[in-house]
């Protein structure tokens, strides 16, 4: 599978200088990158949380999506108290 097409993982990252980045947590992931995907995430702050929606390719009543880019859902997610992840 083309590494540029992998969309099966979303992570929470932070940086003190916008040059060096550190992964703090894996927010979404799936072990079948050829089928499942999370992409085109849009997010905003909600108090101490981050809320976001993702264009998501996931199994539904008809079966698996044809590929990870063929999204069949818009999913909503919340990262509670996200600043706790940025502690070093």
N, C-alpha and C. Protein backbone atom coordinates (compact mmCIF):
# COMPACT_ATOMS: atom_id res chain seq x y z
N UNK A 1 0.84 -1.19 0.00
CA UNK A 1 0.00 0.00 0.00
C UNK A 1 0.88 1.25 0.00
N UNK A 2 0.50 2.22 -0.78
CA UNK A 2 1.21 3.49 -0.85
C UNK A 2 1.17 4.19 0.51
N UNK A 3 2.33 4.46 1.10
CA UNK A 3 2.39 5.11 2.42
C UNK A 3 1.69 6.45 2.46
N UNK A 4 1.63 7.17 1.34
CA UNK A 4 0.94 8.46 1.30
C UNK A 4 -0.57 8.33 1.36
N UNK A 5 -1.07 7.12 1.16
CA UNK A 5 -2.51 6.90 1.19
C UNK A 5 -3.00 6.40 2.54
N UNK A 6 -2.10 6.22 3.48
CA UNK A 6 -2.51 5.72 4.80
C UNK A 6 -3.24 6.81 5.56
N UNK A 7 -4.46 6.51 5.97
CA UNK A 7 -5.31 7.47 6.66
C UNK A 7 -5.95 6.84 7.89
N UNK A 8 -5.36 5.80 8.44
CA UNK A 8 -6.00 5.05 9.50
C UNK A 8 -5.64 5.51 10.91
N UNK A 9 -4.91 6.61 11.05
CA UNK A 9 -4.50 7.06 12.38
C UNK A 9 -4.54 8.58 12.48
N UNK A 10 -5.10 9.05 13.58
CA UNK A 10 -5.07 10.48 13.94
C UNK A 10 -4.40 10.57 15.29
N UNK A 11 -3.46 11.52 15.44
CA UNK A 11 -2.74 11.67 16.69
C UNK A 11 -2.86 13.10 17.21
N UNK A 12 -2.64 13.25 18.50
CA UNK A 12 -2.56 14.56 19.15
C UNK A 12 -1.09 14.87 19.32
N UNK A 13 -0.66 16.01 18.74
CA UNK A 13 0.75 16.40 18.78
C UNK A 13 0.89 17.77 19.42
N UNK A 14 2.10 18.07 19.90
CA UNK A 14 2.36 19.41 20.42
C UNK A 14 3.79 19.82 20.05
N UNK A 15 4.02 21.14 20.12
CA UNK A 15 5.33 21.69 19.80
C UNK A 15 5.53 22.98 20.59
N UNK A 16 6.74 23.17 21.09
CA UNK A 16 7.09 24.41 21.76
C UNK A 16 7.59 25.46 20.77
N UNK A 17 8.04 25.00 19.57
CA UNK A 17 8.67 25.93 18.64
C UNK A 17 8.16 25.81 17.20
N UNK A 18 7.17 24.98 16.96
CA UNK A 18 6.58 24.74 15.64
C UNK A 18 7.56 24.14 14.64
N UNK A 19 8.69 23.66 15.13
CA UNK A 19 9.67 22.97 14.29
C UNK A 19 9.82 21.52 14.73
N UNK A 20 9.92 21.32 16.03
CA UNK A 20 10.05 19.98 16.59
C UNK A 20 8.71 19.59 17.20
N UNK A 21 8.18 18.42 16.79
CA UNK A 21 6.84 17.98 17.21
C UNK A 21 6.93 16.67 17.97
N UNK A 22 6.01 16.50 18.90
CA UNK A 22 5.97 15.31 19.74
C UNK A 22 4.54 14.74 19.73
N UNK A 23 4.41 13.46 19.45
CA UNK A 23 3.11 12.80 19.52
C UNK A 23 2.79 12.53 20.98
N UNK A 24 1.64 13.02 21.44
CA UNK A 24 1.23 12.85 22.84
C UNK A 24 0.23 11.72 23.02
N UNK A 25 -0.60 11.46 22.01
CA UNK A 25 -1.59 10.40 22.14
C UNK A 25 -2.12 10.02 20.76
N UNK A 26 -2.48 8.77 20.60
CA UNK A 26 -3.19 8.32 19.41
C UNK A 26 -4.67 8.46 19.69
N UNK A 27 -5.34 9.28 18.90
CA UNK A 27 -6.75 9.60 19.12
C UNK A 27 -7.66 8.59 18.42
N UNK A 28 -7.35 8.27 17.16
CA UNK A 28 -8.12 7.30 16.38
C UNK A 28 -7.14 6.42 15.62
N UNK A 29 -7.44 5.14 15.56
CA UNK A 29 -6.61 4.24 14.75
C UNK A 29 -7.38 2.96 14.44
N UNK A 30 -6.93 2.28 13.42
CA UNK A 30 -7.49 1.00 13.03
C UNK A 30 -6.38 0.20 12.36
N UNK A 31 -6.40 -1.11 12.53
CA UNK A 31 -5.31 -1.94 12.01
C UNK A 31 -5.50 -2.41 10.56
N UNK A 32 -6.48 -1.84 9.86
CA UNK A 32 -6.69 -2.18 8.44
C UNK A 32 -6.66 -0.90 7.61
N UNK A 33 -5.47 -0.35 7.35
CA UNK A 33 -5.37 0.94 6.65
C UNK A 33 -5.90 0.92 5.23
N UNK A 34 -5.99 -0.25 4.62
CA UNK A 34 -6.50 -0.31 3.25
C UNK A 34 -8.02 -0.12 3.20
N UNK A 35 -8.71 -0.32 4.32
CA UNK A 35 -10.17 -0.21 4.35
C UNK A 35 -10.70 0.96 5.16
N UNK A 36 -10.09 1.23 6.29
CA UNK A 36 -10.64 2.21 7.23
C UNK A 36 -9.82 3.47 7.25
N UNK A 37 -10.48 4.63 7.32
CA UNK A 37 -9.75 5.88 7.29
C UNK A 37 -10.46 7.00 8.02
N UNK A 38 -9.65 7.92 8.54
CA UNK A 38 -10.11 9.14 9.19
C UNK A 38 -9.39 10.28 8.49
N UNK A 39 -10.14 11.20 7.92
CA UNK A 39 -9.49 12.23 7.11
C UNK A 39 -10.27 13.54 7.13
N UNK A 40 -9.60 14.58 6.68
CA UNK A 40 -10.19 15.92 6.57
C UNK A 40 -10.83 16.35 7.90
N UNK A 41 -10.07 16.20 8.96
CA UNK A 41 -10.55 16.54 10.30
C UNK A 41 -10.71 18.05 10.43
N UNK A 42 -11.79 18.46 11.06
CA UNK A 42 -12.02 19.86 11.41
C UNK A 42 -12.29 19.91 12.90
N UNK A 43 -11.64 20.82 13.61
CA UNK A 43 -11.70 20.81 15.06
C UNK A 43 -11.82 22.21 15.62
N UNK A 44 -12.17 22.26 16.90
CA UNK A 44 -12.18 23.53 17.63
C UNK A 44 -12.06 23.24 19.12
N UNK A 45 -11.70 24.28 19.87
CA UNK A 45 -11.64 24.17 21.32
C UNK A 45 -13.03 24.30 21.90
N UNK A 46 -13.32 23.51 22.92
CA UNK A 46 -14.58 23.58 23.65
C UNK A 46 -14.22 23.53 25.13
N UNK A 47 -13.94 24.69 25.71
CA UNK A 47 -13.48 24.74 27.10
C UNK A 47 -12.13 24.05 27.22
N UNK A 48 -12.06 23.02 28.06
CA UNK A 48 -10.82 22.27 28.25
C UNK A 48 -10.66 21.13 27.27
N UNK A 49 -11.60 20.99 26.36
CA UNK A 49 -11.61 19.87 25.41
C UNK A 49 -11.33 20.36 23.98
N UNK A 50 -10.97 19.41 23.13
CA UNK A 50 -10.97 19.62 21.69
C UNK A 50 -12.11 18.74 21.15
N UNK A 51 -12.96 19.33 20.33
CA UNK A 51 -13.99 18.55 19.64
C UNK A 51 -13.64 18.56 18.16
N UNK A 52 -13.91 17.45 17.49
CA UNK A 52 -13.61 17.41 16.07
C UNK A 52 -14.54 16.45 15.34
N UNK A 53 -14.67 16.69 14.06
CA UNK A 53 -15.38 15.78 13.18
C UNK A 53 -14.39 15.24 12.16
N UNK A 54 -14.66 14.04 11.72
CA UNK A 54 -13.78 13.38 10.77
C UNK A 54 -14.62 12.76 9.66
N UNK A 55 -14.17 12.92 8.45
CA UNK A 55 -14.76 12.17 7.33
C UNK A 55 -14.19 10.77 7.47
N UNK A 56 -15.06 9.79 7.72
CA UNK A 56 -14.62 8.47 8.16
C UNK A 56 -15.12 7.36 7.24
N UNK A 57 -14.21 6.48 6.88
CA UNK A 57 -14.57 5.25 6.15
C UNK A 57 -14.58 4.12 7.16
N UNK A 58 -15.75 3.49 7.34
CA UNK A 58 -15.90 2.46 8.37
C UNK A 58 -16.95 1.46 7.94
N UNK A 59 -16.89 0.29 8.49
CA UNK A 59 -17.86 -0.77 8.20
C UNK A 59 -19.28 -0.29 8.54
N UNK A 60 -20.24 -0.61 7.66
CA UNK A 60 -21.63 -0.31 7.94
C UNK A 60 -22.47 -1.56 7.64
N UNK A 61 -23.78 -1.43 7.58
CA UNK A 61 -24.65 -2.60 7.41
C UNK A 61 -24.44 -3.31 6.07
N UNK A 62 -23.83 -2.63 5.10
CA UNK A 62 -23.57 -3.27 3.81
C UNK A 62 -22.19 -3.92 3.75
N UNK A 63 -21.38 -3.72 4.79
CA UNK A 63 -20.04 -4.32 4.83
C UNK A 63 -18.95 -3.27 4.93
N UNK A 64 -17.75 -3.66 4.54
CA UNK A 64 -16.61 -2.75 4.60
C UNK A 64 -16.67 -1.74 3.45
N UNK A 65 -16.09 -0.55 3.66
CA UNK A 65 -15.97 0.39 2.54
C UNK A 65 -14.98 -0.17 1.51
N UNK A 66 -15.09 0.25 0.25
CA UNK A 66 -14.18 -0.26 -0.78
C UNK A 66 -12.71 0.07 -0.51
N UNK A 67 -12.47 1.23 0.08
CA UNK A 67 -11.10 1.64 0.44
C UNK A 67 -11.20 2.75 1.47
N UNK A 68 -10.07 3.11 2.05
CA UNK A 68 -10.05 4.07 3.16
C UNK A 68 -10.48 5.48 2.76
N UNK A 69 -10.40 5.81 1.51
CA UNK A 69 -10.77 7.17 1.09
C UNK A 69 -12.27 7.31 0.82
N UNK A 70 -12.97 6.20 0.69
CA UNK A 70 -14.40 6.23 0.38
C UNK A 70 -15.22 6.34 1.66
N UNK A 71 -15.24 7.53 2.23
CA UNK A 71 -15.90 7.75 3.51
C UNK A 71 -17.41 7.56 3.40
N UNK A 72 -17.98 6.95 4.42
CA UNK A 72 -19.41 6.75 4.46
C UNK A 72 -20.02 7.33 5.75
N UNK A 73 -19.20 7.98 6.56
CA UNK A 73 -19.66 8.60 7.80
C UNK A 73 -18.97 9.95 8.01
N UNK A 74 -19.64 10.80 8.79
CA UNK A 74 -19.01 11.95 9.44
C UNK A 74 -19.11 11.62 10.93
N UNK A 75 -17.98 11.50 11.60
CA UNK A 75 -17.99 11.09 13.01
C UNK A 75 -17.55 12.24 13.90
N UNK A 76 -18.12 12.32 15.09
CA UNK A 76 -17.82 13.36 16.07
C UNK A 76 -16.99 12.74 17.18
N UNK A 77 -15.97 13.51 17.64
CA UNK A 77 -15.07 13.01 18.68
C UNK A 77 -14.74 14.15 19.66
N UNK A 78 -14.38 13.77 20.87
CA UNK A 78 -14.00 14.74 21.89
C UNK A 78 -12.74 14.24 22.58
N UNK A 79 -11.74 15.12 22.69
CA UNK A 79 -10.54 14.84 23.47
C UNK A 79 -10.68 15.64 24.75
N UNK A 80 -11.00 14.97 25.83
CA UNK A 80 -11.25 15.65 27.10
C UNK A 80 -9.94 16.11 27.73
N UNK A 81 -9.97 17.34 28.24
CA UNK A 81 -8.83 17.92 28.96
C UNK A 81 -7.52 17.72 28.19
N UNK A 82 -7.52 18.15 26.94
CA UNK A 82 -6.39 17.89 26.04
C UNK A 82 -5.08 18.47 26.55
N UNK A 83 -5.11 19.54 27.32
CA UNK A 83 -3.86 20.15 27.80
C UNK A 83 -3.10 19.23 28.75
N UNK A 84 -3.77 18.29 29.38
CA UNK A 84 -3.09 17.34 30.25
C UNK A 84 -2.10 16.48 29.46
N UNK A 85 -2.35 16.30 28.16
CA UNK A 85 -1.44 15.51 27.32
C UNK A 85 -0.15 16.26 26.99
N UNK A 86 -0.16 17.59 27.10
CA UNK A 86 1.03 18.36 26.70
C UNK A 86 2.06 18.48 27.81
N UNK A 87 1.76 17.97 28.98
CA UNK A 87 2.73 17.99 30.08
C UNK A 87 3.91 17.11 29.72
N UNK A 88 5.10 17.60 29.99
CA UNK A 88 6.32 16.84 29.64
C UNK A 88 6.78 16.00 30.79
